[in-house]
C-alpha atoms as a PDB file:
ATOM      1  CA  MET A   1     185.025-100.916 -72.262  1.00  0.00           C
ATOM      2  CA  ARG A   2     182.149 -98.435 -72.252  1.00  0.00           C
ATOM      3  CA  LYS A   3     182.046 -98.390 -76.094  1.00  0.00           C
ATOM      4  CA  THR A   4     181.944-102.190 -76.153  1.00  0.00           C
ATOM      5  CA  LEU A   5     179.059-102.273 -73.677  1.00  0.00           C
ATOM      6  CA  THR A   6     177.156 -99.631 -75.665  1.00  0.00           C
ATOM      7  CA  ALA A   7     177.667-101.586 -78.901  1.00  0.00           C
ATOM      8  CA  LEU A   8     176.523-104.822 -77.240  1.00  0.00           C
ATOM      9  CA  VAL A   9     173.366-103.150 -75.893  1.00  0.00           C
ATOM     10  CA  ALA A  10     172.646-101.713 -79.360  1.00  0.00           C
ATOM     11  CA  VAL A  11     173.054-105.121 -81.034  1.00  0.00           C
ATOM     12  CA  LEU A  12     170.848-106.856 -78.450  1.00  0.00           C
ATOM     13  CA  SER A  13     168.164-104.169 -78.770  1.00  0.00           C
ATOM     14  CA  PHE A  14     168.166-104.485 -82.552  1.00  0.00           C
ATOM     15  CA  THR A  15     167.934-108.290 -82.306  1.00  0.00           C
ATOM     16  CA  ILE A  16     164.983-108.091 -79.916  1.00  0.00           C
ATOM     17  CA  LEU A  17     163.171-105.794 -82.350  1.00  0.00           C
ATOM     18  CA  LEU A  18     163.591-108.360 -85.148  1.00  0.00           C
ATOM     19  CA  ILE A  19     162.230-111.358 -83.207  1.00  0.00           C
ATOM     20  CA  PRO A  20     158.569-110.808 -84.253  1.00  0.00           C
ATOM     21  CA  PHE A  21     159.593-110.969 -87.910  1.00  0.00           C
ATOM     22  CA  ALA A  22     161.222-114.359 -87.396  1.00  0.00           C
ATOM     23  CA  PHE A  23     157.839-115.802 -86.446  1.00  0.00           C
ATOM     24  CA  ALA A  24     155.906-114.218 -89.321  1.00  0.00           C
ATOM     25  CA  HIS A  25     153.981-116.489 -91.629  1.00  0.00           C
ATOM     26  CA  THR A  26     152.993-115.893 -95.222  1.00  0.00           C
ATOM     27  CA  PRO A  27     149.394-116.553 -96.326  1.00  0.00           C
ATOM     28  CA  LEU A  28     148.899-119.042 -99.156  1.00  0.00           C
ATOM     29  CA  CYS A  29     145.798-119.579-101.292  1.00  0.00           C
ATOM     30  CA  SER A  30     145.286-121.797-104.297  1.00  0.00           C
ATOM     31  CA  CYS A  31     142.059-122.174-106.283  1.00  0.00           C
ATOM     32  CA  SER A  32     141.072-124.717-108.927  1.00  0.00           C
ATOM     33  CA  ASP A  33     138.134-125.190-111.276  1.00  0.00           C
ATOM     34  CA  GLU A  34     136.554-128.507-110.292  1.00  0.00           C
ATOM     35  CA  GLY A  35     134.995-128.966-113.751  1.00  0.00           C
ATOM     36  CA  ASP A  36     131.467-129.201-112.318  1.00  0.00           C
ATOM     37  CA  GLY A  37     130.688-125.487-112.198  1.00  0.00           C
ATOM     38  CA  THR A  38     132.400-124.966-108.843  1.00  0.00           C
ATOM     39  CA  ILE A  39     135.693-123.474-107.709  1.00  0.00           C
ATOM     40  CA  LEU A  40     137.626-124.958-104.780  1.00  0.00           C
ATOM     41  CA  CYS A  41     140.030-122.711-102.864  1.00  0.00           C
ATOM     42  CA  GLU A  42     142.492-124.077-100.327  1.00  0.00           C
ATOM     43  CA  GLY A  43     144.341-121.835 -97.907  1.00  0.00           C
ATOM     44  CA  GLY A  44     146.994-121.960 -95.252  1.00  0.00           C
ATOM     45  CA  PHE A  45     150.187-120.351 -94.046  1.00  0.00           C
ATOM     46  CA  SER A  46     153.828-120.952 -94.867  1.00  0.00           C
ATOM     47  CA  ASP A  47     154.484-122.166 -91.319  1.00  0.00           C
ATOM     48  CA  GLY A  48     151.864-124.919 -91.736  1.00  0.00           C
ATOM     49  CA  SER A  49     149.137-123.130 -89.765  1.00  0.00           C
ATOM     50  CA  SER A  50     145.517-123.797 -90.616  1.00  0.00           C
ATOM     51  CA  ALA A  51     143.417-121.197 -92.414  1.00  0.00           C
ATOM     52  CA  ALA A  52     140.157-122.380 -90.825  1.00  0.00           C
ATOM     53  CA  GLY A  53     137.910-119.363 -90.293  1.00  0.00           C
ATOM     54  CA  VAL A  54     139.866-117.050 -92.609  1.00  0.00           C
ATOM     55  CA  GLU A  55     137.589-114.816 -94.670  1.00  0.00           C
ATOM     56  CA  LEU A  56     137.344-115.411 -98.401  1.00  0.00           C
ATOM     57  CA  ARG A  57     135.580-113.088-100.843  1.00  0.00           C
ATOM     58  CA  VAL A  58     134.794-113.417-104.528  1.00  0.00           C
ATOM     59  CA  LEU A  59     134.609-110.044-106.265  1.00  0.00           C
ATOM     60  CA  ASP A  60     133.328-109.066-109.702  1.00  0.00           C
ATOM     61  CA  SER A  61     135.305-106.778-112.043  1.00  0.00           C
ATOM     62  CA  ALA A  62     133.845-103.696-110.302  1.00  0.00           C
ATOM     63  CA  GLY A  63     135.049-104.905-106.890  1.00  0.00           C
ATOM     64  CA  LYS A  64     131.566-105.829-105.648  1.00  0.00           C
ATOM     65  CA  ASP A  65     131.191-108.927-103.445  1.00  0.00           C
ATOM     66  CA  ILE A  66     129.636-111.851-105.320  1.00  0.00           C
ATOM     67  CA  VAL A  67     130.300-114.462-102.627  1.00  0.00           C
ATOM     68  CA  LYS A  68     131.562-114.048 -99.086  1.00  0.00           C
ATOM     69  CA  GLY A  69     132.410-116.755 -96.575  1.00  0.00           C
ATOM     70  CA  LYS A  70     135.070-118.381 -94.420  1.00  0.00           C
ATOM     71  CA  MET A  71     137.432-121.301 -94.845  1.00  0.00           C
ATOM     72  CA  ASP A  72     136.080-124.489 -93.272  1.00  0.00           C
ATOM     73  CA  GLU A  73     137.919-126.699 -90.749  1.00  0.00           C
ATOM     74  CA  ASP A  74     139.933-128.217 -93.625  1.00  0.00           C
ATOM     75  CA  SER A  75     140.987-124.723 -94.800  1.00  0.00           C
ATOM     76  CA  GLU A  76     138.807-125.064 -97.917  1.00  0.00           C
ATOM     77  CA  PHE A  77     136.042-122.994 -99.485  1.00  0.00           C
ATOM     78  CA  THR A  78     133.914-124.008-102.478  1.00  0.00           C
ATOM     79  CA  PHE A  79     131.666-121.696-104.484  1.00  0.00           C
ATOM     80  CA  ASN A  80     129.778-121.679-107.779  1.00  0.00           C
ATOM     81  CA  LYS A  81     131.893-120.336-110.627  1.00  0.00           C
ATOM     82  CA  PRO A  82     130.724-116.804-111.487  1.00  0.00           C
ATOM     83  CA  LYS A  83     129.833-115.779-115.009  1.00  0.00           C
ATOM     84  CA  GLY A  84     132.189-113.054-116.191  1.00  0.00           C
ATOM     85  CA  PRO A  85     135.462-111.787-114.753  1.00  0.00           C
ATOM     86  CA  TYR A  86     136.119-112.242-111.029  1.00  0.00           C
ATOM     87  CA  LYS A  87     138.867-112.531-108.449  1.00  0.00           C
ATOM     88  CA  VAL A  88     139.191-114.328-105.134  1.00  0.00           C
ATOM     89  CA  GLN A  89     140.504-112.570-102.022  1.00  0.00           C
ATOM     90  CA  PHE A  90     141.894-114.625 -99.128  1.00  0.00           C
ATOM     91  CA  ASP A  91     141.925-112.086 -96.280  1.00  0.00           C
ATOM     92  CA  ALA A  92     143.815-113.179 -93.169  1.00  0.00           C
ATOM     93  CA  GLY A  93     144.120-109.621 -91.815  1.00  0.00           C
ATOM     94  CA  PRO A  94     146.347-106.599 -92.375  1.00  0.00           C
ATOM     95  CA  GLY A  95     149.329-107.487 -94.544  1.00  0.00           C
ATOM     96  CA  HIS A  96     147.932-110.968 -95.179  1.00  0.00           C
ATOM     97  CA  LEU A  97     145.783-110.542 -98.293  1.00  0.00           C
ATOM     98  CA  VAL A  98     146.148-112.893-101.256  1.00  0.00           C
ATOM     99  CA  GLU A  99     144.310-112.211-104.525  1.00  0.00           C
ATOM    100  CA  VAL A 100     143.758-114.884-107.144  1.00  0.00           C
ATOM    101  CA  PRO A 101     142.456-113.620-110.518  1.00  0.00           C
ATOM    102  CA  GLY A 102     139.673-115.798-111.930  1.00  0.00           C
ATOM    103  CA  SER A 103     141.539-115.917-115.241  1.00  0.00           C
ATOM    104  CA  GLU A 104     144.316-117.913-113.515  1.00  0.00           C
ATOM    105  CA  ILE A 105     141.973-120.537-112.018  1.00  0.00           C
ATOM    106  CA  THR A 106     142.082-123.676-114.146  1.00  0.00           C
ATOM    107  CA  GLU A 107     141.129-127.342-113.879  1.00  0.00           C
END
């Protein structure tokens, strides 16, 4: 009986430790060339949460900020297309960084 109780307590403890992971959400970011010299990025989370206020940075090939801002209330951010290589970083906090290479952004 004592072994059964110990095993049950161990299983319940392990389950309680896993609960935060069940509610985790994955960041999502997609960018497209609008064909008018601008890039539109849309963000969100896999659980449907808004990305309003999430920081977005555009970096040159040396890692220097070209543009820095935040997603608007529609979880969108538009910026002028940089000349030369660049990447977009959607930064929703530790463990929630999405990078989109400029070479993959198309119309």
